[in-house]
Protein backbone atom coordinates (compact mmCIF):
# COMPACT_ATOMS: atom_id res chain seq x y z
CA UNK A 1 0.00 0.00 0.00
CA UNK A 2 1.29 3.47 -0.86
CA UNK A 3 1.47 5.91 2.05
CA UNK A 4 0.13 9.36 1.29
CA UNK A 5 2.42 12.32 1.92
CA UNK A 6 -0.13 14.82 3.20
CA UNK A 7 2.22 17.79 2.82
CA UNK A 8 2.94 16.97 -0.82
CA UNK A 9 -0.76 16.40 -1.49
CA UNK A 10 -1.68 19.77 0.01
CA UNK A 11 1.10 21.50 -1.90
CA UNK A 12 -0.14 20.02 -5.18
CA UNK A 13 -3.71 21.12 -4.40
CA UNK A 14 -2.54 24.66 -3.67
CA UNK A 15 -0.45 24.84 -6.86
CA UNK A 16 -3.41 23.70 -8.94
CA UNK A 17 -5.68 26.18 -7.16
CA UNK A 18 -3.31 29.03 -8.05
CA UNK A 19 -3.22 27.92 -11.69
CA UNK A 20 -7.02 27.68 -11.77
CA UNK A 21 -7.31 31.16 -10.27
CA UNK A 22 -5.37 32.59 -13.21
CA UNK A 23 -7.91 31.11 -15.65
CA UNK A 24 -10.81 32.31 -13.50
CA UNK A 25 -9.46 35.84 -13.55
CA UNK A 26 -8.74 35.73 -17.29
CA UNK A 27 -12.20 34.48 -18.27
CA UNK A 28 -14.36 35.73 -15.38
CA UNK A 29 -15.75 32.32 -14.44
CA UNK A 30 -15.22 30.07 -11.46
CA UNK A 31 -13.59 26.82 -12.49
CA UNK A 32 -16.56 24.77 -11.30
CA UNK A 33 -18.95 26.73 -13.53
CA UNK A 34 -16.55 26.50 -16.47
CA UNK A 35 -16.00 22.76 -16.00
CA UNK A 36 -19.73 22.02 -15.80
CA UNK A 37 -20.23 23.90 -19.08
CA UNK A 38 -17.18 22.41 -20.80
CA UNK A 39 -17.64 18.80 -19.65
CA UNK A 40 -20.98 18.42 -21.42
CA UNK A 41 -19.33 19.08 -24.78
CA UNK A 42 -19.59 22.85 -25.10
CA UNK A 43 -16.77 24.44 -27.03
CA UNK A 44 -15.38 27.97 -27.05
CA UNK A 45 -16.61 30.27 -29.77
CA UNK A 46 -13.10 31.65 -30.19
CA UNK A 47 -10.53 29.17 -31.56
CA UNK A 48 -7.80 31.00 -29.63
CA UNK A 49 -9.38 29.76 -26.38
CA UNK A 50 -9.25 26.04 -27.22
CA UNK A 51 -5.81 25.38 -25.72
CA UNK A 52 -6.64 27.39 -22.60
CA UNK A 53 -9.92 25.57 -22.12
CA UNK A 54 -8.30 22.17 -22.56
CA UNK A 55 -5.63 23.02 -19.99
CA UNK A 56 -8.16 24.61 -17.63
CA UNK A 57 -10.38 21.52 -17.71
CA UNK A 58 -7.38 19.25 -17.11
CA UNK A 59 -6.19 21.30 -14.15
CA UNK A 60 -9.68 21.33 -12.65
CA UNK A 61 -10.08 17.58 -13.04
CA UNK A 62 -6.63 16.99 -11.54
CA UNK A 63 -7.48 19.13 -8.52
CA UNK A 64 -10.78 17.28 -8.08
CA UNK A 65 -8.94 13.95 -8.06
CA UNK A 66 -6.45 15.23 -5.49
CA UNK A 67 -9.27 16.65 -3.37
CA UNK A 68 -10.96 13.24 -3.40
CA UNK A 69 -7.70 11.64 -2.29
CA UNK A 70 -7.29 14.27 0.44
CA UNK A 71 -10.86 13.82 1.73
CA UNK A 72 -10.43 10.06 1.80
CA UNK A 73 -7.18 10.38 3.73
CA UNK A 74 -8.71 12.80 6.23
CA UNK A 75 -11.83 10.69 6.66
CA UNK A 76 -9.86 7.52 7.34
CA UNK A 77 -7.07 8.97 9.44
CA UNK A 78 -8.46 11.97 11.25
CA UNK A 79 -12.24 12.33 11.33
CA UNK A 80 -12.90 8.85 12.72
CA UNK A 81 -10.74 9.63 15.75
CA UNK A 82 -12.11 12.64 17.66
CA UNK A 83 -8.73 13.55 19.13
CA UNK A 84 -6.84 13.12 15.86
CA UNK A 85 -7.64 16.62 14.61
CA UNK A 86 -6.03 18.16 17.67
CA UNK A 87 -2.98 15.88 17.37
CA UNK A 88 -2.72 16.70 13.69
CA UNK A 89 -2.98 20.45 14.26
CA UNK A 90 -0.41 20.35 17.06
CA UNK A 91 2.03 18.53 14.79
CA UNK A 92 1.77 21.29 12.17
CA UNK A 93 1.19 24.45 14.19
CA UNK A 94 4.05 26.30 15.79
CA UNK A 95 3.14 26.49 19.45
PDB file of N, CA and C in Angstrom:
ATOM      1  N   UNK A   1       0.843  -1.175   0.000  1.00  0.00           N
ATOM      2  CA  UNK A   1       0.000   0.000   0.000  1.00  0.00           C
ATOM      3  C   UNK A   1       0.893   1.245   0.000  1.00  0.00           C
ATOM      4  N   UNK A   2       0.528   2.235  -0.766  1.00  0.00           N
ATOM      5  CA  UNK A   2       1.290   3.469  -0.858  1.00  0.00           C
ATOM      6  C   UNK A   2       0.829   4.423   0.238  1.00  0.00           C
ATOM      7  N   UNK A   3       1.776   4.945   0.996  1.00  0.00           N
ATOM      8  CA  UNK A   3       1.474   5.906   2.050  1.00  0.00           C
ATOM      9  C   UNK A   3       1.374   7.301   1.426  1.00  0.00           C
ATOM     10  N   UNK A   4       0.349   8.017   1.808  1.00  0.00           N
ATOM     11  CA  UNK A   4       0.131   9.356   1.288  1.00  0.00           C
ATOM     12  C   UNK A   4       0.989  10.349   2.052  1.00  0.00           C
ATOM     13  N   UNK A   5       1.673  11.217   1.320  1.00  0.00           N
ATOM     14  CA  UNK A   5       2.418  12.319   1.917  1.00  0.00           C
ATOM     15  C   UNK A   5       1.467  13.511   1.926  1.00  0.00           C
ATOM     16  N   UNK A   6       0.883  13.777   3.087  1.00  0.00           N
ATOM     17  CA  UNK A   6      -0.128  14.821   3.201  1.00  0.00           C
ATOM     18  C   UNK A   6       0.411  16.183   2.806  1.00  0.00           C
ATOM     19  N   UNK A   7       1.639  16.492   3.183  1.00  0.00           N
ATOM     20  CA  UNK A   7       2.220  17.792   2.818  1.00  0.00           C
ATOM     21  C   UNK A   7       2.333  17.949   1.304  1.00  0.00           C
ATOM     22  N   UNK A   8       2.799  16.914   0.632  1.00  0.00           N
ATOM     23  CA  UNK A   8       2.936  16.967  -0.824  1.00  0.00           C
ATOM     24  C   UNK A   8       1.564  17.079  -1.485  1.00  0.00           C
ATOM     25  N   UNK A   9       0.605  16.356  -0.958  1.00  0.00           N
ATOM     26  CA  UNK A   9      -0.757  16.404  -1.491  1.00  0.00           C
ATOM     27  C   UNK A   9      -1.334  17.812  -1.364  1.00  0.00           C
ATOM     28  N   UNK A  10      -1.187  18.408  -0.195  1.00  0.00           N
ATOM     29  CA  UNK A  10      -1.682  19.772   0.015  1.00  0.00           C
ATOM     30  C   UNK A  10      -0.958  20.769  -0.883  1.00  0.00           C
ATOM     31  N   UNK A  11       0.336  20.604  -1.035  1.00  0.00           N
ATOM     32  CA  UNK A  11       1.104  21.500  -1.904  1.00  0.00           C
ATOM     33  C   UNK A  11       0.600  21.414  -3.344  1.00  0.00           C
ATOM     34  N   UNK A  12       0.374  20.195  -3.821  1.00  0.00           N
ATOM     35  CA  UNK A  12      -0.142  20.015  -5.185  1.00  0.00           C
ATOM     36  C   UNK A  12      -1.519  20.654  -5.346  1.00  0.00           C
ATOM     37  N   UNK A  13      -2.375  20.509  -4.347  1.00  0.00           N
ATOM     38  CA  UNK A  13      -3.710  21.115  -4.401  1.00  0.00           C
ATOM     39  C   UNK A  13      -3.591  22.632  -4.471  1.00  0.00           C
ATOM     40  N   UNK A  14      -2.711  23.208  -3.677  1.00  0.00           N
ATOM     41  CA  UNK A  14      -2.540  24.664  -3.671  1.00  0.00           C
ATOM     42  C   UNK A  14      -1.963  25.175  -4.988  1.00  0.00           C
ATOM     43  N   UNK A  15      -1.023  24.455  -5.560  1.00  0.00           N
ATOM     44  CA  UNK A  15      -0.454  24.844  -6.856  1.00  0.00           C
ATOM     45  C   UNK A  15      -1.536  24.838  -7.923  1.00  0.00           C
ATOM     46  N   UNK A  16      -2.325  23.774  -7.962  1.00  0.00           N
ATOM     47  CA  UNK A  16      -3.412  23.701  -8.945  1.00  0.00           C
ATOM     48  C   UNK A  16      -4.433  24.805  -8.718  1.00  0.00           C
ATOM     49  N   UNK A  17      -4.728  25.118  -7.474  1.00  0.00           N
ATOM     50  CA  UNK A  17      -5.685  26.177  -7.157  1.00  0.00           C
ATOM     51  C   UNK A  17      -5.183  27.520  -7.677  1.00  0.00           C
ATOM     52  N   UNK A  18      -3.891  27.795  -7.529  1.00  0.00           N
ATOM     53  CA  UNK A  18      -3.312  29.033  -8.054  1.00  0.00           C
ATOM     54  C   UNK A  18      -3.422  29.084  -9.579  1.00  0.00           C
ATOM     55  N   UNK A  19      -3.137  27.965 -10.227  1.00  0.00           N
ATOM     56  CA  UNK A  19      -3.222  27.923 -11.692  1.00  0.00           C
ATOM     57  C   UNK A  19      -4.668  28.114 -12.152  1.00  0.00           C
ATOM     58  N   UNK A  20      -5.606  27.512 -11.432  1.00  0.00           N
ATOM     59  CA  UNK A  20      -7.020  27.679 -11.771  1.00  0.00           C
ATOM     60  C   UNK A  20      -7.460  29.125 -11.574  1.00  0.00           C
ATOM     61  N   UNK A  21      -6.956  29.764 -10.536  1.00  0.00           N
ATOM     62  CA  UNK A  21      -7.312  31.162 -10.271  1.00  0.00           C
ATOM     63  C   UNK A  21      -6.923  32.063 -11.434  1.00  0.00           C
ATOM     64  N   UNK A  22      -5.800  31.783 -12.055  1.00  0.00           N
ATOM     65  CA  UNK A  22      -5.373  32.585 -13.209  1.00  0.00           C
ATOM     66  C   UNK A  22      -6.390  32.479 -14.349  1.00  0.00           C
ATOM     67  N   UNK A  23      -6.882  31.281 -14.612  1.00  0.00           N
ATOM     68  CA  UNK A  23      -7.906  31.112 -15.649  1.00  0.00           C
ATOM     69  C   UNK A  23      -9.208  31.789 -15.252  1.00  0.00           C
ATOM     70  N   UNK A  24      -9.578  31.679 -13.983  1.00  0.00           N
ATOM     71  CA  UNK A  24     -10.814  32.309 -13.503  1.00  0.00           C
ATOM     72  C   UNK A  24     -10.755  33.822 -13.682  1.00  0.00           C
ATOM     73  N   UNK A  25      -9.618  34.402 -13.376  1.00  0.00           N
ATOM     74  CA  UNK A  25      -9.461  35.844 -13.550  1.00  0.00           C
ATOM     75  C   UNK A  25      -9.475  36.224 -15.028  1.00  0.00           C
ATOM     76  N   UNK A  26      -8.823  35.438 -15.850  1.00  0.00           N
ATOM     77  CA  UNK A  26      -8.737  35.727 -17.285  1.00  0.00           C
ATOM     78  C   UNK A  26     -10.112  35.675 -17.952  1.00  0.00           C
ATOM     79  N   UNK A  27     -10.923  34.693 -17.568  1.00  0.00           N
ATOM     80  CA  UNK A  27     -12.196  34.480 -18.265  1.00  0.00           C
ATOM     81  C   UNK A  27     -13.425  34.868 -17.447  1.00  0.00           C
ATOM     82  N   UNK A  28     -13.245  35.264 -16.197  1.00  0.00           N
ATOM     83  CA  UNK A  28     -14.363  35.733 -15.381  1.00  0.00           C
ATOM     84  C   UNK A  28     -15.364  34.663 -14.990  1.00  0.00           C
ATOM     85  N   UNK A  29     -14.893  33.435 -14.855  1.00  0.00           N
ATOM     86  CA  UNK A  29     -15.751  32.319 -14.438  1.00  0.00           C
ATOM     87  C   UNK A  29     -15.043  31.510 -13.365  1.00  0.00           C
ATOM     88  N   UNK A  30     -15.787  31.035 -12.386  1.00  0.00           N
ATOM     89  CA  UNK A  30     -15.217  30.066 -11.461  1.00  0.00           C
ATOM     90  C   UNK A  30     -14.966  28.766 -12.208  1.00  0.00           C
ATOM     91  N   UNK A  31     -13.954  28.061 -11.802  1.00  0.00           N
ATOM     92  CA  UNK A  31     -13.587  26.819 -12.487  1.00  0.00           C
ATOM     93  C   UNK A  31     -14.717  25.800 -12.476  1.00  0.00           C
ATOM     94  N   UNK A  32     -15.447  25.721 -11.390  1.00  0.00           N
ATOM     95  CA  UNK A  32     -16.560  24.768 -11.298  1.00  0.00           C
ATOM     96  C   UNK A  32     -17.619  25.064 -12.356  1.00  0.00           C
ATOM     97  N   UNK A  33     -17.953  26.326 -12.526  1.00  0.00           N
ATOM     98  CA  UNK A  33     -18.953  26.727 -13.534  1.00  0.00           C
ATOM     99  C   UNK A  33     -18.423  26.415 -14.932  1.00  0.00           C
ATOM    100  N   UNK A  34     -17.165  26.795 -15.182  1.00  0.00           N
ATOM    101  CA  UNK A  34     -16.554  26.503 -16.473  1.00  0.00           C
ATOM    102  C   UNK A  34     -16.568  25.007 -16.760  1.00  0.00           C
ATOM    103  N   UNK A  35     -16.126  24.198 -15.775  1.00  0.00           N
ATOM    104  CA  UNK A  35     -16.002  22.761 -15.998  1.00  0.00           C
ATOM    105  C   UNK A  35     -17.362  22.112 -16.264  1.00  0.00           C
ATOM    106  N   UNK A  36     -18.385  22.548 -15.549  1.00  0.00           N
ATOM    107  CA  UNK A  36     -19.732  22.017 -15.805  1.00  0.00           C
ATOM    108  C   UNK A  36     -20.154  22.299 -17.234  1.00  0.00           C
ATOM    109  N   UNK A  37     -19.885  23.501 -17.701  1.00  0.00           N
ATOM    110  CA  UNK A  37     -20.233  23.896 -19.076  1.00  0.00           C
ATOM    111  C   UNK A  37     -19.403  23.109 -20.089  1.00  0.00           C
ATOM    112  N   UNK A  38     -18.111  23.028 -19.857  1.00  0.00           N
ATOM    113  CA  UNK A  38     -17.181  22.406 -20.798  1.00  0.00           C
ATOM    114  C   UNK A  38     -17.338  20.891 -20.852  1.00  0.00           C
ATOM    115  N   UNK A  39     -17.610  20.258 -19.724  1.00  0.00           N
ATOM    116  CA  UNK A  39     -17.637  18.797 -19.645  1.00  0.00           C
ATOM    117  C   UNK A  39     -18.841  18.169 -20.332  1.00  0.00           C
ATOM    118  N   UNK A  40     -19.829  18.968 -20.682  1.00  0.00           N
ATOM    119  CA  UNK A  40     -20.978  18.422 -21.416  1.00  0.00           C
ATOM    120  C   UNK A  40     -20.816  18.617 -22.922  1.00  0.00           C
ATOM    121  N   UNK A  41     -19.622  19.001 -23.354  1.00  0.00           N
ATOM    122  CA  UNK A  41     -19.333  19.080 -24.776  1.00  0.00           C
ATOM    123  C   UNK A  41     -19.379  20.469 -25.377  1.00  0.00           C
ATOM    124  N   UNK A  42     -19.618  21.483 -24.567  1.00  0.00           N
ATOM    125  CA  UNK A  42     -19.593  22.847 -25.099  1.00  0.00           C
ATOM    126  C   UNK A  42     -18.174  23.216 -25.505  1.00  0.00           C
ATOM    127  N   UNK A  43     -18.073  24.021 -26.531  1.00  0.00           N
ATOM    128  CA  UNK A  43     -16.770  24.443 -27.033  1.00  0.00           C
ATOM    129  C   UNK A  43     -16.718  25.961 -27.097  1.00  0.00           C
ATOM    130  N   UNK A  44     -15.508  26.516 -26.990  1.00  0.00           N
ATOM    131  CA  UNK A  44     -15.379  27.970 -27.052  1.00  0.00           C
ATOM    132  C   UNK A  44     -15.714  28.488 -28.441  1.00  0.00           C
ATOM    133  N   UNK A  45     -16.289  29.675 -28.476  1.00  0.00           N
ATOM    134  CA  UNK A  45     -16.609  30.272 -29.774  1.00  0.00           C
ATOM    135  C   UNK A  45     -15.368  30.837 -30.450  1.00  0.00           C
ATOM    136  N   UNK A  46     -14.339  31.101 -29.672  1.00  0.00           N
ATOM    137  CA  UNK A  46     -13.097  31.654 -30.194  1.00  0.00           C
ATOM    138  C   UNK A  46     -12.051  30.539 -30.227  1.00  0.00           C
ATOM    139  N   UNK A  47     -11.529  30.240 -31.413  1.00  0.00           N
ATOM    140  CA  UNK A  47     -10.533  29.171 -31.555  1.00  0.00           C
ATOM    141  C   UNK A  47      -9.274  29.423 -30.721  1.00  0.00           C
ATOM    142  N   UNK A  48      -8.982  30.672 -30.430  1.00  0.00           N
ATOM    143  CA  UNK A  48      -7.803  31.004 -29.634  1.00  0.00           C
ATOM    144  C   UNK A  48      -7.935  30.515 -28.193  1.00  0.00           C
ATOM    145  N   UNK A  49      -9.148  30.201 -27.755  1.00  0.00           N
ATOM    146  CA  UNK A  49      -9.383  29.763 -26.385  1.00  0.00           C
ATOM    147  C   UNK A  49      -9.262  28.253 -26.208  1.00  0.00           C
ATOM    148  N   UNK A  50      -9.203  27.512 -27.297  1.00  0.00           N
ATOM    149  CA  UNK A  50      -9.252  26.044 -27.224  1.00  0.00           C
ATOM    150  C   UNK A  50      -8.144  25.477 -26.335  1.00  0.00           C
ATOM    151  N   UNK A  51      -6.911  25.905 -26.529  1.00  0.00           N
ATOM    152  CA  UNK A  51      -5.806  25.377 -25.724  1.00  0.00           C
ATOM    153  C   UNK A  51      -5.981  25.741 -24.247  1.00  0.00           C
ATOM    154  N   UNK A  52      -6.389  26.982 -23.982  1.00  0.00           N
ATOM    155  CA  UNK A  52      -6.636  27.387 -22.601  1.00  0.00           C
ATOM    156  C   UNK A  52      -7.712  26.526 -21.961  1.00  0.00           C
ATOM    157  N   UNK A  53      -8.803  26.319 -22.681  1.00  0.00           N
ATOM    158  CA  UNK A  53      -9.923  25.573 -22.117  1.00  0.00           C
ATOM    159  C   UNK A  53      -9.553  24.118 -21.863  1.00  0.00           C
ATOM    160  N   UNK A  54      -8.761  23.546 -22.744  1.00  0.00           N
ATOM    161  CA  UNK A  54      -8.304  22.170 -22.557  1.00  0.00           C
ATOM    162  C   UNK A  54      -7.423  22.077 -21.312  1.00  0.00           C
ATOM    163  N   UNK A  55      -6.507  23.015 -21.165  1.00  0.00           N
ATOM    164  CA  UNK A  55      -5.633  23.024 -19.991  1.00  0.00           C
ATOM    165  C   UNK A  55      -6.433  23.285 -18.718  1.00  0.00           C
ATOM    166  N   UNK A  56      -7.341  24.246 -18.776  1.00  0.00           N
ATOM    167  CA  UNK A  56      -8.161  24.610 -17.626  1.00  0.00           C
ATOM    168  C   UNK A  56      -8.960  23.402 -17.140  1.00  0.00           C
ATOM    169  N   UNK A  57      -9.593  22.705 -18.073  1.00  0.00           N
ATOM    170  CA  UNK A  57     -10.380  21.520 -17.710  1.00  0.00           C
ATOM    171  C   UNK A  57      -9.491  20.441 -17.094  1.00  0.00           C
ATOM    172  N   UNK A  58      -8.298  20.250 -17.649  1.00  0.00           N
ATOM    173  CA  UNK A  58      -7.380  19.252 -17.108  1.00  0.00           C
ATOM    174  C   UNK A  58      -6.912  19.594 -15.706  1.00  0.00           C
ATOM    175  N   UNK A  59      -6.609  20.861 -15.483  1.00  0.00           N
ATOM    176  CA  UNK A  59      -6.194  21.305 -14.150  1.00  0.00           C
ATOM    177  C   UNK A  59      -7.322  21.118 -13.143  1.00  0.00           C
ATOM    178  N   UNK A  60      -8.535  21.468 -13.558  1.00  0.00           N
ATOM    179  CA  UNK A  60      -9.681  21.332 -12.652  1.00  0.00           C
ATOM    180  C   UNK A  60      -9.905  19.867 -12.287  1.00  0.00           C
ATOM    181  N   UNK A  61      -9.866  19.012 -13.289  1.00  0.00           N
ATOM    182  CA  UNK A  61     -10.076  17.578 -13.043  1.00  0.00           C
ATOM    183  C   UNK A  61      -8.971  17.018 -12.141  1.00  0.00           C
ATOM    184  N   UNK A  62      -7.743  17.434 -12.377  1.00  0.00           N
ATOM    185  CA  UNK A  62      -6.628  16.985 -11.536  1.00  0.00           C
ATOM    186  C   UNK A  62      -6.827  17.414 -10.096  1.00  0.00           C
ATOM    187  N   UNK A  63      -7.260  18.668  -9.890  1.00  0.00           N
ATOM    188  CA  UNK A  63      -7.482  19.126  -8.523  1.00  0.00           C
ATOM    189  C   UNK A  63      -8.620  18.345  -7.876  1.00  0.00           C
ATOM    190  N   UNK A  64      -9.664  18.047  -8.633  1.00  0.00           N
ATOM    191  CA  UNK A  64     -10.780  17.276  -8.080  1.00  0.00           C
ATOM    192  C   UNK A  64     -10.313  15.886  -7.634  1.00  0.00           C
ATOM    193  N   UNK A  65      -9.467  15.275  -8.423  1.00  0.00           N
ATOM    194  CA  UNK A  65      -8.944  13.954  -8.058  1.00  0.00           C
ATOM    195  C   UNK A  65      -8.099  14.031  -6.795  1.00  0.00           C
ATOM    196  N   UNK A  66      -7.260  15.057  -6.693  1.00  0.00           N
ATOM    197  CA  UNK A  66      -6.446  15.230  -5.494  1.00  0.00           C
ATOM    198  C   UNK A  66      -7.309  15.550  -4.279  1.00  0.00           C
ATOM    199  N   UNK A  67      -8.361  16.335  -4.468  1.00  0.00           N
ATOM    200  CA  UNK A  67      -9.270  16.649  -3.366  1.00  0.00           C
ATOM    201  C   UNK A  67      -9.977  15.384  -2.871  1.00  0.00           C
ATOM    202  N   UNK A  68     -10.342  14.512  -3.778  1.00  0.00           N
ATOM    203  CA  UNK A  68     -10.959  13.244  -3.401  1.00  0.00           C
ATOM    204  C   UNK A  68      -9.982  12.405  -2.583  1.00  0.00           C
ATOM    205  N   UNK A  69      -8.734  12.371  -3.022  1.00  0.00           N
ATOM    206  CA  UNK A  69      -7.701  11.636  -2.294  1.00  0.00           C
ATOM    207  C   UNK A  69      -7.494  12.250  -0.906  1.00  0.00           C
ATOM    208  N   UNK A  70      -7.466  13.573  -0.834  1.00  0.00           N
ATOM    209  CA  UNK A  70      -7.293  14.273   0.443  1.00  0.00           C
ATOM    210  C   UNK A  70      -8.450  13.962   1.387  1.00  0.00           C
ATOM    211  N   UNK A  71      -9.680  14.088   0.889  1.00  0.00           N
ATOM    212  CA  UNK A  71     -10.857  13.821   1.731  1.00  0.00           C
ATOM    213  C   UNK A  71     -10.856  12.389   2.248  1.00  0.00           C
ATOM    214  N   UNK A  72     -10.493  11.464   1.397  1.00  0.00           N
ATOM    215  CA  UNK A  72     -10.432  10.058   1.800  1.00  0.00           C
ATOM    216  C   UNK A  72      -9.393   9.866   2.903  1.00  0.00           C
ATOM    217  N   UNK A  73      -8.228  10.464   2.724  1.00  0.00           N
ATOM    218  CA  UNK A  73      -7.176  10.381   3.734  1.00  0.00           C
ATOM    219  C   UNK A  73      -7.660  10.952   5.060  1.00  0.00           C
ATOM    220  N   UNK A  74      -8.234  12.142   5.013  1.00  0.00           N
ATOM    221  CA  UNK A  74      -8.708  12.799   6.228  1.00  0.00           C
ATOM    222  C   UNK A  74      -9.804  11.975   6.891  1.00  0.00           C
ATOM    223  N   UNK A  75     -10.725  11.484   6.108  1.00  0.00           N
ATOM    224  CA  UNK A  75     -11.833  10.689   6.656  1.00  0.00           C
ATOM    225  C   UNK A  75     -11.314   9.449   7.372  1.00  0.00           C
ATOM    226  N   UNK A  76     -10.377   8.766   6.760  1.00  0.00           N
ATOM    227  CA  UNK A  76      -9.860   7.525   7.341  1.00  0.00           C
ATOM    228  C   UNK A  76      -8.944   7.762   8.531  1.00  0.00           C
ATOM    229  N   UNK A  77      -8.114   8.794   8.448  1.00  0.00           N
ATOM    230  CA  UNK A  77      -7.067   8.971   9.440  1.00  0.00           C
ATOM    231  C   UNK A  77      -7.394   9.951  10.545  1.00  0.00           C
ATOM    232  N   UNK A  78      -8.268  10.898  10.279  1.00  0.00           N
ATOM    233  CA  UNK A  78      -8.463  11.966  11.253  1.00  0.00           C
ATOM    234  C   UNK A  78      -9.882  12.034  11.780  1.00  0.00           C
ATOM    235  N   UNK A  79     -10.867  12.089  10.909  1.00  0.00           N
ATOM    236  CA  UNK A  79     -12.238  12.332  11.333  1.00  0.00           C
ATOM    237  C   UNK A  79     -12.775  11.203  12.209  1.00  0.00           C
ATOM    238  N   UNK A  80     -12.383   9.969  11.943  1.00  0.00           N
ATOM    239  CA  UNK A  80     -12.896   8.845  12.720  1.00  0.00           C
ATOM    240  C   UNK A  80     -12.363   8.811  14.152  1.00  0.00           C
ATOM    241  N   UNK A  81     -11.331   9.561  14.422  1.00  0.00           N
ATOM    242  CA  UNK A  81     -10.741   9.635  15.753  1.00  0.00           C
ATOM    243  C   UNK A  81     -10.914  11.072  16.239  1.00  0.00           C
ATOM    244  N   UNK A  82     -11.762  11.290  17.224  1.00  0.00           N
ATOM    245  CA  UNK A  82     -12.114  12.642  17.657  1.00  0.00           C
ATOM    246  C   UNK A  82     -10.906  13.455  18.115  1.00  0.00           C
ATOM    247  N   UNK A  83      -9.909  12.827  18.662  1.00  0.00           N
ATOM    248  CA  UNK A  83      -8.728  13.551  19.133  1.00  0.00           C
ATOM    249  C   UNK A  83      -7.670  13.729  18.042  1.00  0.00           C
ATOM    250  N   UNK A  84      -7.852  13.071  16.910  1.00  0.00           N
ATOM    251  CA  UNK A  84      -6.844  13.117  15.857  1.00  0.00           C
ATOM    252  C   UNK A  84      -6.676  14.509  15.260  1.00  0.00           C
ATOM    253  N   UNK A  85      -7.748  15.264  15.161  1.00  0.00           N
ATOM    254  CA  UNK A  85      -7.638  16.620  14.606  1.00  0.00           C
ATOM    255  C   UNK A  85      -6.703  17.458  15.477  1.00  0.00           C
ATOM    256  N   UNK A  86      -6.899  17.403  16.787  1.00  0.00           N
ATOM    257  CA  UNK A  86      -6.027  18.164  17.672  1.00  0.00           C
ATOM    258  C   UNK A  86      -4.576  17.704  17.571  1.00  0.00           C
ATOM    259  N   UNK A  87      -4.349  16.397  17.526  1.00  0.00           N
ATOM    260  CA  UNK A  87      -2.980  15.884  17.374  1.00  0.00           C
ATOM    261  C   UNK A  87      -2.387  16.347  16.050  1.00  0.00           C
ATOM    262  N   UNK A  88      -3.175  16.273  15.014  1.00  0.00           N
ATOM    263  CA  UNK A  88      -2.723  16.696  13.686  1.00  0.00           C
ATOM    264  C   UNK A  88      -2.354  18.179  13.689  1.00  0.00           C
ATOM    265  N   UNK A  89      -3.241  19.018  14.229  1.00  0.00           N
ATOM    266  CA  UNK A  89      -2.984  20.454  14.257  1.00  0.00           C
ATOM    267  C   UNK A  89      -1.751  20.783  15.091  1.00  0.00           C
ATOM    268  N   UNK A  90      -1.587  20.109  16.222  1.00  0.00           N
ATOM    269  CA  UNK A  90      -0.412  20.347  17.055  1.00  0.00           C
ATOM    270  C   UNK A  90       0.876  19.994  16.314  1.00  0.00           C
ATOM    271  N   UNK A  91       0.822  18.950  15.504  1.00  0.00           N
ATOM    272  CA  UNK A  91       2.031  18.532  14.791  1.00  0.00           C
ATOM    273  C   UNK A  91       2.425  19.516  13.695  1.00  0.00           C
ATOM    274  N   UNK A  92       1.482  20.350  13.233  1.00  0.00           N
ATOM    275  CA  UNK A  92       1.768  21.289  12.166  1.00  0.00           C
ATOM    276  C   UNK A  92       1.888  22.726  12.642  1.00  0.00           C
ATOM    277  N   UNK A  93       1.207  23.071  13.713  1.00  0.00           N
ATOM    278  CA  UNK A  93       1.192  24.447  14.189  1.00  0.00           C
ATOM    279  C   UNK A  93       2.390  24.720  15.086  1.00  0.00           C
ATOM    280  N   UNK A  94       2.961  25.893  14.916  1.00  0.00           N
ATOM    281  CA  UNK A  94       4.049  26.304  15.793  1.00  0.00           C
ATOM    282  C   UNK A  94       3.423  26.808  17.086  1.00  0.00           C
ATOM    283  N   UNK A  95       3.740  26.130  18.159  1.00  0.00           N
ATOM    284  CA  UNK A  95       3.135  26.485  19.451  1.00  0.00           C
ATOM    285  C   UNK A  95       4.047  27.412  20.221  1.00  0.00           C
TER     286      UNK A  95
END
